[in-house]
C-alpha atoms as a PDB file:
ATOM      1  CA  MET A   1      -0.084  -0.124   0.174  1.00  0.00           C
ATOM      2  CA  PRO A   2       1.363   3.978  -0.190  1.00  0.00           C
ATOM      3  CA  ASP A   3       3.514   5.198   1.716  1.00  0.00           C
ATOM      4  CA  ILE A   4       2.091   8.681   0.917  1.00  0.00           C
ATOM      5  CA  SER A   5      -0.791  10.662   2.597  1.00  0.00           C
ATOM      6  CA  VAL A   6      -4.519  10.188   1.397  1.00  0.00           C
ATOM      7  CA  ASN A   7      -4.827  13.877   2.029  1.00  0.00           C
ATOM      8  CA  LYS A   8      -1.656  15.241  -0.114  1.00  0.00           C
ATOM      9  CA  VAL A   9      -2.959  12.647  -3.054  1.00  0.00           C
ATOM     10  CA  VAL A  10      -6.301  14.011  -2.942  1.00  0.00           C
ATOM     11  CA  ARG A  11      -4.552  17.979  -2.307  1.00  0.00           C
ATOM     12  CA  ILE A  12      -2.079  17.603  -5.342  1.00  0.00           C
ATOM     13  CA  VAL A  13      -5.662  16.222  -7.659  1.00  0.00           C
ATOM     14  CA  PHE A  14      -7.279  19.129  -6.477  1.00  0.00           C
ATOM     15  CA  LEU A  15      -4.871  21.184  -7.433  1.00  0.00           C
ATOM     16  CA  ALA A  16      -4.457  19.683 -10.988  1.00  0.00           C
ATOM     17  CA  ARG A  17      -8.693  20.388 -11.789  1.00  0.00           C
ATOM     18  CA  GLU A  18      -7.955  24.129  -9.941  1.00  0.00           C
ATOM     19  CA  TYR A  19      -5.107  25.260 -11.474  1.00  0.00           C
ATOM     20  CA  GLY A  20      -4.266  22.749 -14.008  1.00  0.00           C
ATOM     21  CA  PRO A  21      -1.401  20.383 -14.058  1.00  0.00           C
ATOM     22  CA  GLU A  22       1.075  23.334 -15.129  1.00  0.00           C
ATOM     23  CA  SER A  23       0.318  25.750 -12.099  1.00  0.00           C
ATOM     24  CA  ARG A  24       2.853  27.371  -9.824  1.00  0.00           C
ATOM     25  CA  ALA A  25       0.667  26.070  -6.702  1.00  0.00           C
ATOM     26  CA  LEU A  26       0.743  22.369  -8.038  1.00  0.00           C
ATOM     27  CA  ARG A  27       4.628  22.499  -8.897  1.00  0.00           C
ATOM     28  CA  ASP A  28       4.909  23.984  -5.650  1.00  0.00           C
ATOM     29  CA  TYR A  29       3.089  21.574  -3.390  1.00  0.00           C
ATOM     30  CA  ILE A  30       4.959  18.501  -5.153  1.00  0.00           C
ATOM     31  CA  SER A  31       8.241  19.908  -5.023  1.00  0.00           C
ATOM     32  CA  GLY A  32       7.791  19.756  -0.807  1.00  0.00           C
ATOM     33  CA  LEU A  33       7.368  16.131  -0.531  1.00  0.00           C
ATOM     34  CA  ASN A  34       9.789  13.957   0.583  1.00  0.00           C
ATOM     35  CA  GLU A  35      11.711  11.149  -1.640  1.00  0.00           C
ATOM     36  CA  ASP A  36       9.627   8.450  -0.055  1.00  0.00           C
ATOM     37  CA  GLU A  37       6.135  10.728  -0.676  1.00  0.00           C
ATOM     38  CA  ALA A  38       6.878  11.698  -3.862  1.00  0.00           C
ATOM     39  CA  ASN A  39       7.476   7.694  -4.823  1.00  0.00           C
ATOM     40  CA  ASN A  40       4.158   6.929  -3.778  1.00  0.00           C
ATOM     41  CA  LEU A  41       3.351   8.933  -5.914  1.00  0.00           C
ATOM     42  CA  VAL A  42       4.314   8.506  -9.099  1.00  0.00           C
ATOM     43  CA  ALA A  43       3.947   5.022  -8.690  1.00  0.00           C
ATOM     44  CA  ILE A  44      -0.327   5.721  -7.937  1.00  0.00           C
ATOM     45  CA  LEU A  45      -0.450   7.634 -10.867  1.00  0.00           C
ATOM     46  CA  TRP A  46       1.395   4.388 -13.147  1.00  0.00           C
ATOM     47  CA  VAL A  47      -1.480   2.360 -11.801  1.00  0.00           C
ATOM     48  CA  GLY A  48      -4.051   4.943 -12.351  1.00  0.00           C
ATOM     49  CA  ARG A  49      -2.548   5.026 -15.691  1.00  0.00           C
ATOM     50  CA  ASP A  50      -2.283   1.131 -16.279  1.00  0.00           C
ATOM     51  CA  SER A  51       1.286   0.847 -16.557  1.00  0.00           C
ATOM     52  CA  PHE A  52       1.666  -1.833 -13.940  1.00  0.00           C
ATOM     53  CA  ASP A  53      -1.232  -3.365 -11.882  1.00  0.00           C
ATOM     54  CA  ALA A  54      -2.859  -2.894  -8.302  1.00  0.00           C
ATOM     55  CA  GLU A  55      -1.028  -5.943  -7.766  1.00  0.00           C
ATOM     56  CA  GLU A  56       2.217  -5.241  -8.909  1.00  0.00           C
ATOM     57  CA  TRP A  57       2.587  -1.525  -6.025  1.00  0.00           C
ATOM     58  CA  ASP A  58       6.089  -3.073  -4.986  1.00  0.00           C
ATOM     59  CA  GLU A  59       6.946  -3.175  -8.341  1.00  0.00           C
ATOM     60  CA  ALA A  60       5.753   0.262  -9.571  1.00  0.00           C
ATOM     61  CA  LEU A  61       7.413   1.615  -6.812  1.00  0.00           C
ATOM     62  CA  ALA A  62      10.360   0.196  -7.088  1.00  0.00           C
ATOM     63  CA  THR A  63      10.432   1.276 -10.349  1.00  0.00           C
ATOM     64  CA  ALA A  64       9.645   4.748  -9.685  1.00  0.00           C
ATOM     65  CA  ARG A  65      12.552   4.903  -6.782  1.00  0.00           C
ATOM     66  CA  ALA A  66      14.743   3.372  -9.608  1.00  0.00           C
ATOM     67  CA  GLU A  67      13.948   5.831 -12.600  1.00  0.00           C
ATOM     68  CA  ALA A  68      13.722   9.223 -10.332  1.00  0.00           C
ATOM     69  CA  THR A  69      16.203  11.112 -12.455  1.00  0.00           C
ATOM     70  CA  ALA A  70      14.149  14.214 -11.911  1.00  0.00           C
ATOM     71  CA  PRO A  71      12.117  16.223 -10.139  1.00  0.00           C
ATOM     72  CA  THR A  72       9.126  14.918  -9.459  1.00  0.00           C
ATOM     73  CA  GLU A  73       7.257  17.653 -10.000  1.00  0.00           C
ATOM     74  CA  ASP A  74       8.647  18.679 -14.060  1.00  0.00           C
ATOM     75  CA  TYR A  75       7.733  15.110 -14.705  1.00  0.00           C
ATOM     76  CA  LEU A  76       4.242  15.272 -13.635  1.00  0.00           C
ATOM     77  CA  SER A  77       3.944  18.819 -14.756  1.00  0.00           C
ATOM     78  CA  GLY A  78       1.757  19.464 -17.847  1.00  0.00           C
ATOM     79  CA  MET A  79       0.476  15.730 -17.766  1.00  0.00           C
ATOM     80  CA  PRO A  80      -3.543  17.295 -18.454  1.00  0.00           C
ATOM     81  CA  GLU A  81      -4.940  13.710 -17.315  1.00  0.00           C
ATOM     82  CA  LEU A  82      -2.539  13.689 -14.005  1.00  0.00           C
ATOM     83  CA  ALA A  83      -5.953  14.297 -11.588  1.00  0.00           C
ATOM     84  CA  ASP A  84      -7.877  11.403 -13.817  1.00  0.00           C
ATOM     85  CA  TYR A  85      -4.258   8.649 -13.055  1.00  0.00           C
ATOM     86  CA  LEU A  86      -4.133   9.407  -9.549  1.00  0.00           C
ATOM     87  CA  GLU A  87      -7.835   9.472  -8.855  1.00  0.00           C
ATOM     88  CA  ALA A  88      -7.657   5.582 -10.840  1.00  0.00           C
ATOM     89  CA  GLY A  89      -4.381   4.897  -9.265  1.00  0.00           C
ATOM     90  CA  LEU A  90      -6.414   5.261  -5.654  1.00  0.00           C
ATOM     91  CA  GLU A  91      -9.734   3.785  -6.705  1.00  0.00           C
ATOM     92  CA  ALA A  92      -7.319   0.504  -8.032  1.00  0.00           C
ATOM     93  CA  LEU A  93      -5.725   0.376  -5.232  1.00  0.00           C
ATOM     94  CA  GLY A  94      -9.028  -0.250  -3.420  1.00  0.00           C
ATOM     95  CA  ILE A  95      -8.404   3.358  -1.216  1.00  0.00           C
ATOM     96  CA  ASP A  96     -11.297   4.972  -0.268  1.00  0.00           C
ATOM     97  CA  VAL A  97     -11.328   8.798  -0.702  1.00  0.00           C
ATOM     98  CA  THR A  98     -14.292  10.470  -0.106  1.00  0.00           C
ATOM     99  CA  ASP A  99     -13.261  12.114   3.504  1.00  0.00           C
ATOM    100  CA  ALA A 100     -10.358  13.599   2.325  1.00  0.00           C
ATOM    101  CA  GLU A 101     -12.580  14.917  -0.671  1.00  0.00           C
ATOM    102  CA  ASP A 102     -15.061  15.835   1.801  1.00  0.00           C
ATOM    103  CA  HIS A 103     -12.420  17.909   3.416  1.00  0.00           C
ATOM    104  CA  PHE A 104     -11.164  19.759   0.703  1.00  0.00           C
ATOM    105  CA  ARG A 105     -14.620  20.674  -0.307  1.00  0.00           C
ATOM    106  CA  ASP A 106     -15.553  21.939   2.895  1.00  0.00           C
ATOM    107  CA  LYS A 107     -12.847  24.876   2.681  1.00  0.00           C
END
């Protein structure tokens, strides 16, 4: 299972939808993640875009760690489907985001 707060992933989804995948707000937030969180975020994205199945989580995470050659915010910036891939990845991993989504909508 991912080792990143569901709230952080949902915040990234909201930032990508509200400001766009190339926004400074999104890039700044992603750049503030630690290395493990960034790798988990990329692995979630890859599961969401069907590069890996949810059952291949360990392999997706290992690949994200091995291939992390550029800052994560550079890799994810401008990816038009970023929010959709992250949502799909969380869903495929069986992670319920209802509480986290409600938290951001109420703000």
